[in-house]
């Protein structure tokens, strides 16, 4: 719920600055990894990636990240960050 509230607030601020609203509702997600060969079945290899009881972690900032596609893999660059209140 907190992430949805942050996304809503961010979208309202961007609309006031002339940006169009998002074309779909916000859905929080975490990208664990990406695969290049989509025609393979990765199920067995990915089964061990999610572990119950993983250590908790704290989210202390929101980052705007630019992703540039490259033949050897995406290049990510943090363009801006905002610290979250604790």
PDB file of N, CA and C in Angstrom:
ATOM      1  N   UNK A   1       0.821  -1.193   0.000  1.00  0.00           N
ATOM      2  CA  UNK A   1       0.000   0.000   0.000  1.00  0.00           C
ATOM      3  C   UNK A   1       0.870   1.264   0.000  1.00  0.00           C
ATOM      4  N   UNK A   2       1.991   1.204   0.737  1.00  0.00           N
ATOM      5  CA  UNK A   2       2.874   2.374   0.804  1.00  0.00           C
ATOM      6  C   UNK A   2       3.476   2.681  -0.565  1.00  0.00           C
ATOM      7  N   UNK A   3       3.859   1.645  -1.322  1.00  0.00           N
ATOM      8  CA  UNK A   3       4.417   1.881  -2.649  1.00  0.00           C
ATOM      9  C   UNK A   3       3.381   2.458  -3.606  1.00  0.00           C
ATOM     10  N   UNK A   4       2.148   2.000  -3.490  1.00  0.00           N
ATOM     11  CA  UNK A   4       1.068   2.541  -4.325  1.00  0.00           C
ATOM     12  C   UNK A   4       0.866   4.023  -4.007  1.00  0.00           C
ATOM     13  N   UNK A   5       0.917   4.386  -2.732  1.00  0.00           N
ATOM     14  CA  UNK A   5       0.765   5.790  -2.338  1.00  0.00           C
ATOM     15  C   UNK A   5       1.909   6.635  -2.893  1.00  0.00           C
ATOM     16  N   UNK A   6       3.134   6.117  -2.842  1.00  0.00           N
ATOM     17  CA  UNK A   6       4.281   6.847  -3.407  1.00  0.00           C
ATOM     18  C   UNK A   6       4.105   7.023  -4.906  1.00  0.00           C
ATOM     19  N   UNK A   7       3.702   5.964  -5.593  1.00  0.00           N
ATOM     20  CA  UNK A   7       3.504   6.032  -7.044  1.00  0.00           C
ATOM     21  C   UNK A   7       2.413   7.043  -7.393  1.00  0.00           C
ATOM     22  N   UNK A   8       1.334   7.052  -6.636  1.00  0.00           N
ATOM     23  CA  UNK A   8       0.237   7.993  -6.880  1.00  0.00           C
ATOM     24  C   UNK A   8       0.714   9.437  -6.694  1.00  0.00           C
ATOM     25  N   UNK A   9       1.453   9.673  -5.624  1.00  0.00           N
ATOM     26  CA  UNK A   9       1.977  11.009  -5.350  1.00  0.00           C
ATOM     27  C   UNK A   9       2.943  11.464  -6.448  1.00  0.00           C
ATOM     28  N   UNK A  10       3.805  10.565  -6.886  1.00  0.00           N
ATOM     29  CA  UNK A  10       4.754  10.877  -7.946  1.00  0.00           C
ATOM     30  C   UNK A  10       4.023  11.205  -9.245  1.00  0.00           C
ATOM     31  N   UNK A  11       3.024  10.415  -9.580  1.00  0.00           N
ATOM     32  CA  UNK A  11       2.284  10.669 -10.812  1.00  0.00           C
ATOM     33  C   UNK A  11       1.567  12.018 -10.752  1.00  0.00           C
ATOM     34  N   UNK A  12       0.982  12.364  -9.612  1.00  0.00           N
ATOM     35  CA  UNK A  12       0.320  13.659  -9.476  1.00  0.00           C
ATOM     36  C   UNK A  12       1.313  14.803  -9.659  1.00  0.00           C
ATOM     37  N   UNK A  13       2.507  14.670  -9.073  1.00  0.00           N
ATOM     38  CA  UNK A  13       3.532  15.709  -9.208  1.00  0.00           C
ATOM     39  C   UNK A  13       3.985  15.834 -10.659  1.00  0.00           C
ATOM     40  N   UNK A  14       4.127  14.719 -11.340  1.00  0.00           N
ATOM     41  CA  UNK A  14       4.547  14.760 -12.746  1.00  0.00           C
ATOM     42  C   UNK A  14       3.458  15.359 -13.636  1.00  0.00           C
ATOM     43  N   UNK A  15       2.199  15.057 -13.351  1.00  0.00           N
ATOM     44  CA  UNK A  15       1.095  15.631 -14.136  1.00  0.00           C
ATOM     45  C   UNK A  15       1.057  17.145 -13.988  1.00  0.00           C
ATOM     46  N   UNK A  16       1.332  17.651 -12.766  1.00  0.00           N
ATOM     47  CA  UNK A  16       1.362  19.103 -12.559  1.00  0.00           C
ATOM     48  C   UNK A  16       2.476  19.759 -13.376  1.00  0.00           C
ATOM     49  N   UNK A  17       3.470  18.982 -13.740  1.00  0.00           N
ATOM     50  CA  UNK A  17       4.586  19.499 -14.522  1.00  0.00           C
ATOM     51  C   UNK A  17       4.433  19.206 -16.017  1.00  0.00           C
ATOM     52  N   UNK A  18       3.247  18.738 -16.406  1.00  0.00           N
ATOM     53  CA  UNK A  18       2.944  18.576 -17.820  1.00  0.00           C
ATOM     54  C   UNK A  18       3.135  17.183 -18.397  1.00  0.00           C
ATOM     55  N   UNK A  19       3.483  16.208 -17.572  1.00  0.00           N
ATOM     56  CA  UNK A  19       3.641  14.849 -18.071  1.00  0.00           C
ATOM     57  C   UNK A  19       2.286  14.176 -18.179  1.00  0.00           C
ATOM     58  N   UNK A  20       2.121  13.334 -19.179  1.00  0.00           N
ATOM     59  CA  UNK A  20       0.891  12.560 -19.337  1.00  0.00           C
ATOM     60  C   UNK A  20       0.812  11.497 -18.246  1.00  0.00           C
ATOM     61  N   UNK A  21      -0.407  11.106 -17.868  1.00  0.00           N
ATOM     62  CA  UNK A  21      -0.534  10.036 -16.869  1.00  0.00           C
ATOM     63  C   UNK A  21      -0.073   8.706 -17.461  1.00  0.00           C
ATOM     64  N   UNK A  22       0.271   7.792 -16.601  1.00  0.00           N
ATOM     65  CA  UNK A  22       0.675   6.458 -17.044  1.00  0.00           C
ATOM     66  C   UNK A  22      -0.487   5.798 -17.774  1.00  0.00           C
ATOM     67  N   UNK A  23      -0.163   4.944 -18.726  1.00  0.00           N
ATOM     68  CA  UNK A  23      -1.218   4.285 -19.499  1.00  0.00           C
ATOM     69  C   UNK A  23      -1.722   3.004 -18.837  1.00  0.00           C
ATOM     70  N   UNK A  24      -1.170   2.681 -17.669  1.00  0.00           N
ATOM     71  CA  UNK A  24      -1.662   1.509 -16.919  1.00  0.00           C
ATOM     72  C   UNK A  24      -1.443   1.750 -15.432  1.00  0.00           C
ATOM     73  N   UNK A  25      -2.143   0.989 -14.628  1.00  0.00           N
ATOM     74  CA  UNK A  25      -2.031   1.140 -13.178  1.00  0.00           C
ATOM     75  C   UNK A  25      -0.657   0.683 -12.693  1.00  0.00           C
ATOM     76  N   UNK A  26      -0.185   1.309 -11.621  1.00  0.00           N
ATOM     77  CA  UNK A  26       1.095   0.947 -11.032  1.00  0.00           C
ATOM     78  C   UNK A  26       1.032  -0.451 -10.433  1.00  0.00           C
ATOM     79  N   UNK A  27       2.043  -1.244 -10.687  1.00  0.00           N
ATOM     80  CA  UNK A  27       2.191  -2.556 -10.078  1.00  0.00           C
ATOM     81  C   UNK A  27       3.629  -2.670  -9.593  1.00  0.00           C
ATOM     82  N   UNK A  28       3.801  -2.813  -8.293  1.00  0.00           N
ATOM     83  CA  UNK A  28       5.164  -2.944  -7.773  1.00  0.00           C
ATOM     84  C   UNK A  28       5.735  -4.289  -8.191  1.00  0.00           C
ATOM     85  N   UNK A  29       7.038  -4.316  -8.431  1.00  0.00           N
ATOM     86  CA  UNK A  29       7.687  -5.561  -8.811  1.00  0.00           C
ATOM     87  C   UNK A  29       9.178  -5.484  -8.498  1.00  0.00           C
ATOM     88  N   UNK A  30       9.793  -6.612  -8.475  1.00  0.00           N
ATOM     89  CA  UNK A  30      11.223  -6.727  -8.268  1.00  0.00           C
ATOM     90  C   UNK A  30      11.746  -7.657  -9.351  1.00  0.00           C
ATOM     91  N   UNK A  31      12.664  -7.171 -10.157  1.00  0.00           N
ATOM     92  CA  UNK A  31      13.250  -7.996 -11.200  1.00  0.00           C
ATOM     93  C   UNK A  31      14.436  -8.742 -10.602  1.00  0.00           C
ATOM     94  N   UNK A  32      14.349 -10.051 -10.564  1.00  0.00           N
ATOM     95  CA  UNK A  32      15.418 -10.884 -10.029  1.00  0.00           C
ATOM     96  C   UNK A  32      16.481 -11.108 -11.099  1.00  0.00           C
ATOM     97  N   UNK A  33      16.054 -11.261 -12.316  1.00  0.00           N
ATOM     98  CA  UNK A  33      16.996 -11.488 -13.412  1.00  0.00           C
ATOM     99  C   UNK A  33      16.255 -11.540 -14.731  1.00  0.00           C
ATOM    100  N   UNK A  34      17.015 -11.513 -15.786  1.00  0.00           N
ATOM    101  CA  UNK A  34      16.444 -11.602 -17.126  1.00  0.00           C
ATOM    102  C   UNK A  34      17.192 -12.694 -17.888  1.00  0.00           C
ATOM    103  N   UNK A  35      16.515 -13.296 -18.834  1.00  0.00           N
ATOM    104  CA  UNK A  35      17.148 -14.324 -19.656  1.00  0.00           C
ATOM    105  C   UNK A  35      17.157 -13.867 -21.111  1.00  0.00           C
ATOM    106  N   UNK A  36      18.206 -14.235 -21.794  1.00  0.00           N
ATOM    107  CA  UNK A  36      18.317 -13.888 -23.213  1.00  0.00           C
ATOM    108  C   UNK A  36      17.639 -14.925 -24.098  1.00  0.00           C
ATOM    109  N   UNK A  37      17.737 -16.195 -23.710  1.00  0.00           N
ATOM    110  CA  UNK A  37      17.215 -17.273 -24.535  1.00  0.00           C
ATOM    111  C   UNK A  37      15.828 -17.647 -24.058  1.00  0.00           C
ATOM    112  N   UNK A  38      14.828 -17.025 -24.628  1.00  0.00           N
ATOM    113  CA  UNK A  38      13.450 -17.219 -24.176  1.00  0.00           C
ATOM    114  C   UNK A  38      12.866 -18.554 -24.620  1.00  0.00           C
ATOM    115  N   UNK A  39      13.508 -19.207 -25.575  1.00  0.00           N
ATOM    116  CA  UNK A  39      12.967 -20.463 -26.078  1.00  0.00           C
ATOM    117  C   UNK A  39      13.322 -21.651 -25.189  1.00  0.00           C
ATOM    118  N   UNK A  40      14.092 -21.426 -24.128  1.00  0.00           N
ATOM    119  CA  UNK A  40      14.453 -22.501 -23.204  1.00  0.00           C
ATOM    120  C   UNK A  40      13.521 -22.493 -21.998  1.00  0.00           C
ATOM    121  N   UNK A  41      13.336 -23.667 -21.397  1.00  0.00           N
ATOM    122  CA  UNK A  41      12.538 -23.772 -20.174  1.00  0.00           C
ATOM    123  C   UNK A  41      13.470 -23.561 -18.987  1.00  0.00           C
ATOM    124  N   UNK A  42      13.287 -22.455 -18.277  1.00  0.00           N
ATOM    125  CA  UNK A  42      14.153 -22.079 -17.157  1.00  0.00           C
ATOM    126  C   UNK A  42      13.557 -22.481 -15.812  1.00  0.00           C
ATOM    127  N   UNK A  43      12.434 -23.196 -15.820  1.00  0.00           N
ATOM    128  CA  UNK A  43      11.712 -23.521 -14.589  1.00  0.00           C
ATOM    129  C   UNK A  43      12.586 -24.184 -13.535  1.00  0.00           C
ATOM    130  N   UNK A  44      13.324 -25.213 -13.916  1.00  0.00           N
ATOM    131  CA  UNK A  44      14.128 -25.960 -12.945  1.00  0.00           C
ATOM    132  C   UNK A  44      15.196 -25.072 -12.327  1.00  0.00           C
ATOM    133  N   UNK A  45      15.872 -24.266 -13.144  1.00  0.00           N
ATOM    134  CA  UNK A  45      16.925 -23.396 -12.627  1.00  0.00           C
ATOM    135  C   UNK A  45      16.360 -22.297 -11.724  1.00  0.00           C
ATOM    136  N   UNK A  46      15.148 -21.837 -12.006  1.00  0.00           N
ATOM    137  CA  UNK A  46      14.561 -20.751 -11.229  1.00  0.00           C
ATOM    138  C   UNK A  46      13.880 -21.225  -9.948  1.00  0.00           C
ATOM    139  N   UNK A  47      13.569 -22.513  -9.849  1.00  0.00           N
ATOM    140  CA  UNK A  47      12.892 -23.020  -8.655  1.00  0.00           C
ATOM    141  C   UNK A  47      13.662 -22.707  -7.383  1.00  0.00           C
ATOM    142  N   UNK A  48      14.966 -22.763  -7.425  1.00  0.00           N
ATOM    143  CA  UNK A  48      15.778 -22.508  -6.243  1.00  0.00           C
ATOM    144  C   UNK A  48      16.023 -21.037  -5.979  1.00  0.00           C
ATOM    145  N   UNK A  49      15.551 -20.165  -6.848  1.00  0.00           N
ATOM    146  CA  UNK A  49      15.818 -18.733  -6.693  1.00  0.00           C
ATOM    147  C   UNK A  49      14.974 -18.103  -5.590  1.00  0.00           C
ATOM    148  N   UNK A  50      13.794 -18.629  -5.329  1.00  0.00           N
ATOM    149  CA  UNK A  50      12.917 -18.081  -4.295  1.00  0.00           C
ATOM    150  C   UNK A  50      13.023 -18.968  -3.067  1.00  0.00           C
ATOM    151  N   UNK A  51      13.461 -18.370  -1.982  1.00  0.00           N
ATOM    152  CA  UNK A  51      13.688 -19.136  -0.763  1.00  0.00           C
ATOM    153  C   UNK A  51      12.822 -18.562   0.345  1.00  0.00           C
ATOM    154  N   UNK A  52      11.977 -19.402   0.934  1.00  0.00           N
ATOM    155  CA  UNK A  52      11.196 -18.957   2.091  1.00  0.00           C
ATOM    156  C   UNK A  52      12.159 -18.656   3.227  1.00  0.00           C
ATOM    157  N   UNK A  53      11.867 -17.634   3.981  1.00  0.00           N
ATOM    158  CA  UNK A  53      12.721 -17.282   5.100  1.00  0.00           C
ATOM    159  C   UNK A  53      13.924 -16.454   4.713  1.00  0.00           C
ATOM    160  N   UNK A  54      13.895 -15.881   3.514  1.00  0.00           N
ATOM    161  CA  UNK A  54      15.000 -15.005   3.112  1.00  0.00           C
ATOM    162  C   UNK A  54      15.081 -13.839   4.085  1.00  0.00           C
ATOM    163  N   UNK A  55      16.285 -13.322   4.317  1.00  0.00           N
ATOM    164  CA  UNK A  55      16.407 -12.217   5.275  1.00  0.00           C
ATOM    165  C   UNK A  55      15.629 -10.989   4.807  1.00  0.00           C
ATOM    166  N   UNK A  56      15.017 -10.281   5.741  1.00  0.00           N
ATOM    167  CA  UNK A  56      14.285  -9.056   5.364  1.00  0.00           C
ATOM    168  C   UNK A  56      15.264  -7.970   4.930  1.00  0.00           C
ATOM    169  N   UNK A  57      14.747  -7.018   4.191  1.00  0.00           N
ATOM    170  CA  UNK A  57      15.570  -5.891   3.791  1.00  0.00           C
ATOM    171  C   UNK A  57      14.744  -4.621   3.890  1.00  0.00           C
ATOM    172  N   UNK A  58      15.417  -3.508   4.018  1.00  0.00           N
ATOM    173  CA  UNK A  58      14.734  -2.216   4.146  1.00  0.00           C
ATOM    174  C   UNK A  58      14.850  -1.446   2.837  1.00  0.00           C
ATOM    175  N   UNK A  59      13.774  -0.803   2.463  1.00  0.00           N
ATOM    176  CA  UNK A  59      13.772   0.074   1.298  1.00  0.00           C
ATOM    177  C   UNK A  59      13.889   1.494   1.824  1.00  0.00           C
ATOM    178  N   UNK A  60      14.990   2.171   1.487  1.00  0.00           N
ATOM    179  CA  UNK A  60      15.222   3.500   2.041  1.00  0.00           C
ATOM    180  C   UNK A  60      15.233   4.613   1.004  1.00  0.00           C
ATOM    181  N   UNK A  61      15.049   4.241  -0.288  1.00  0.00           N
ATOM    182  CA  UNK A  61      15.057   5.267  -1.329  1.00  0.00           C
ATOM    183  C   UNK A  61      14.318   4.794  -2.574  1.00  0.00           C
ATOM    184  N   UNK A  62      13.931   5.762  -3.376  1.00  0.00           N
ATOM    185  CA  UNK A  62      13.358   5.492  -4.695  1.00  0.00           C
ATOM    186  C   UNK A  62      14.357   6.037  -5.699  1.00  0.00           C
ATOM    187  N   UNK A  63      14.717   5.217  -6.670  1.00  0.00           N
ATOM    188  CA  UNK A  63      15.681   5.624  -7.682  1.00  0.00           C
ATOM    189  C   UNK A  63      15.031   5.625  -9.053  1.00  0.00           C
ATOM    190  N   UNK A  64      15.347   6.632  -9.850  1.00  0.00           N
ATOM    191  CA  UNK A  64      14.939   6.664 -11.251  1.00  0.00           C
ATOM    192  C   UNK A  64      16.142   6.136 -12.027  1.00  0.00           C
ATOM    193  N   UNK A  65      15.941   5.012 -12.717  1.00  0.00           N
ATOM    194  CA  UNK A  65      17.044   4.333 -13.384  1.00  0.00           C
ATOM    195  C   UNK A  65      16.786   4.308 -14.881  1.00  0.00           C
ATOM    196  N   UNK A  66      17.780   4.746 -15.630  1.00  0.00           N
ATOM    197  CA  UNK A  66      17.703   4.690 -17.093  1.00  0.00           C
ATOM    198  C   UNK A  66      18.296   3.356 -17.532  1.00  0.00           C
ATOM    199  N   UNK A  67      17.570   2.635 -18.361  1.00  0.00           N
ATOM    200  CA  UNK A  67      18.023   1.348 -18.874  1.00  0.00           C
ATOM    201  C   UNK A  67      18.297   1.504 -20.363  1.00  0.00           C
ATOM    202  N   UNK A  68      19.538   1.234 -20.766  1.00  0.00           N
ATOM    203  CA  UNK A  68      19.924   1.304 -22.171  1.00  0.00           C
ATOM    204  C   UNK A  68      20.252  -0.106 -22.639  1.00  0.00           C
ATOM    205  N   UNK A  69      19.513  -0.577 -23.644  1.00  0.00           N
ATOM    206  CA  UNK A  69      19.739  -1.921 -24.151  1.00  0.00           C
ATOM    207  C   UNK A  69      21.046  -1.968 -24.929  1.00  0.00           C
ATOM    208  N   UNK A  70      21.794  -3.035 -24.707  1.00  0.00           N
ATOM    209  CA  UNK A  70      23.085  -3.213 -25.350  1.00  0.00           C
ATOM    210  C   UNK A  70      23.214  -4.696 -25.697  1.00  0.00           C
ATOM    211  N   UNK A  71      23.872  -5.058 -26.794  1.00  0.00           N
ATOM    212  CA  UNK A  71      23.988  -6.475 -27.162  1.00  0.00           C
ATOM    213  C   UNK A  71      24.573  -7.358 -26.057  1.00  0.00           C
ATOM    214  N   UNK A  72      25.442  -6.823 -25.231  1.00  0.00           N
ATOM    215  CA  UNK A  72      26.049  -7.614 -24.156  1.00  0.00           C
ATOM    216  C   UNK A  72      25.268  -7.527 -22.844  1.00  0.00           C
ATOM    217  N   UNK A  73      24.150  -6.848 -22.852  1.00  0.00           N
ATOM    218  CA  UNK A  73      23.330  -6.707 -21.649  1.00  0.00           C
ATOM    219  C   UNK A  73      22.965  -5.263 -21.420  1.00  0.00           C
ATOM    220  N   UNK A  74      21.912  -5.048 -20.670  1.00  0.00           N
ATOM    221  CA  UNK A  74      21.444  -3.690 -20.399  1.00  0.00           C
ATOM    222  C   UNK A  74      22.462  -2.925 -19.559  1.00  0.00           C
ATOM    223  N   UNK A  75      22.501  -1.621 -19.795  1.00  0.00           N
ATOM    224  CA  UNK A  75      23.342  -0.726 -19.003  1.00  0.00           C
ATOM    225  C   UNK A  75      22.390   0.136 -18.193  1.00  0.00           C
ATOM    226  N   UNK A  76      22.569   0.151 -16.870  1.00  0.00           N
ATOM    227  CA  UNK A  76      21.684   0.886 -15.988  1.00  0.00           C
ATOM    228  C   UNK A  76      22.420   2.076 -15.397  1.00  0.00           C
ATOM    229  N   UNK A  77      21.743   3.231 -15.404  1.00  0.00           N
ATOM    230  CA  UNK A  77      22.333   4.439 -14.834  1.00  0.00           C
ATOM    231  C   UNK A  77      21.298   5.125 -13.944  1.00  0.00           C
ATOM    232  N   UNK A  78      21.668   5.338 -12.683  1.00  0.00           N
ATOM    233  CA  UNK A  78      20.776   6.035 -11.753  1.00  0.00           C
ATOM    234  C   UNK A  78      20.770   7.510 -12.147  1.00  0.00           C
ATOM    235  N   UNK A  79      19.581   8.020 -12.463  1.00  0.00           N
ATOM    236  CA  UNK A  79      19.439   9.421 -12.897  1.00  0.00           C
ATOM    237  C   UNK A  79      19.063  10.338 -11.749  1.00  0.00           C
ATOM    238  N   UNK A  80      18.331   9.809 -10.761  1.00  0.00           N
ATOM    239  CA  UNK A  80      17.924  10.610  -9.599  1.00  0.00           C
ATOM    240  C   UNK A  80      17.524   9.664  -8.478  1.00  0.00           C
ATOM    241  N   UNK A  81      17.660  10.137  -7.242  1.00  0.00           N
ATOM    242  CA  UNK A  81      17.253   9.358  -6.082  1.00  0.00           C
ATOM    243  C   UNK A  81      16.553  10.247  -5.078  1.00  0.00           C
ATOM    244  N   UNK A  82      15.599   9.671  -4.376  1.00  0.00           N
ATOM    245  CA  UNK A  82      14.912  10.376  -3.293  1.00  0.00           C
ATOM    246  C   UNK A  82      14.885   9.445  -2.094  1.00  0.00           C
ATOM    247  N   UNK A  83      15.373   9.940  -0.983  1.00  0.00           N
ATOM    248  CA  UNK A  83      15.371   9.149   0.255  1.00  0.00           C
ATOM    249  C   UNK A  83      13.944   9.101   0.818  1.00  0.00           C
ATOM    250  N   UNK A  84      13.577   7.988   1.387  1.00  0.00           N
ATOM    251  CA  UNK A  84      12.272   7.825   1.989  1.00  0.00           C
ATOM    252  C   UNK A  84      12.378   8.067   3.492  1.00  0.00           C
ATOM    253  N   UNK A  85      11.332   8.648   4.043  1.00  0.00           N
ATOM    254  CA  UNK A  85      11.297   8.887   5.488  1.00  0.00           C
ATOM    255  C   UNK A  85      11.176   7.547   6.207  1.00  0.00           C
ATOM    256  N   UNK A  86      11.822   7.428   7.347  1.00  0.00           N
ATOM    257  CA  UNK A  86      11.744   6.161   8.081  1.00  0.00           C
ATOM    258  C   UNK A  86      10.729   6.249   9.189  1.00  0.00           C
TER     259      UNK A  86
END
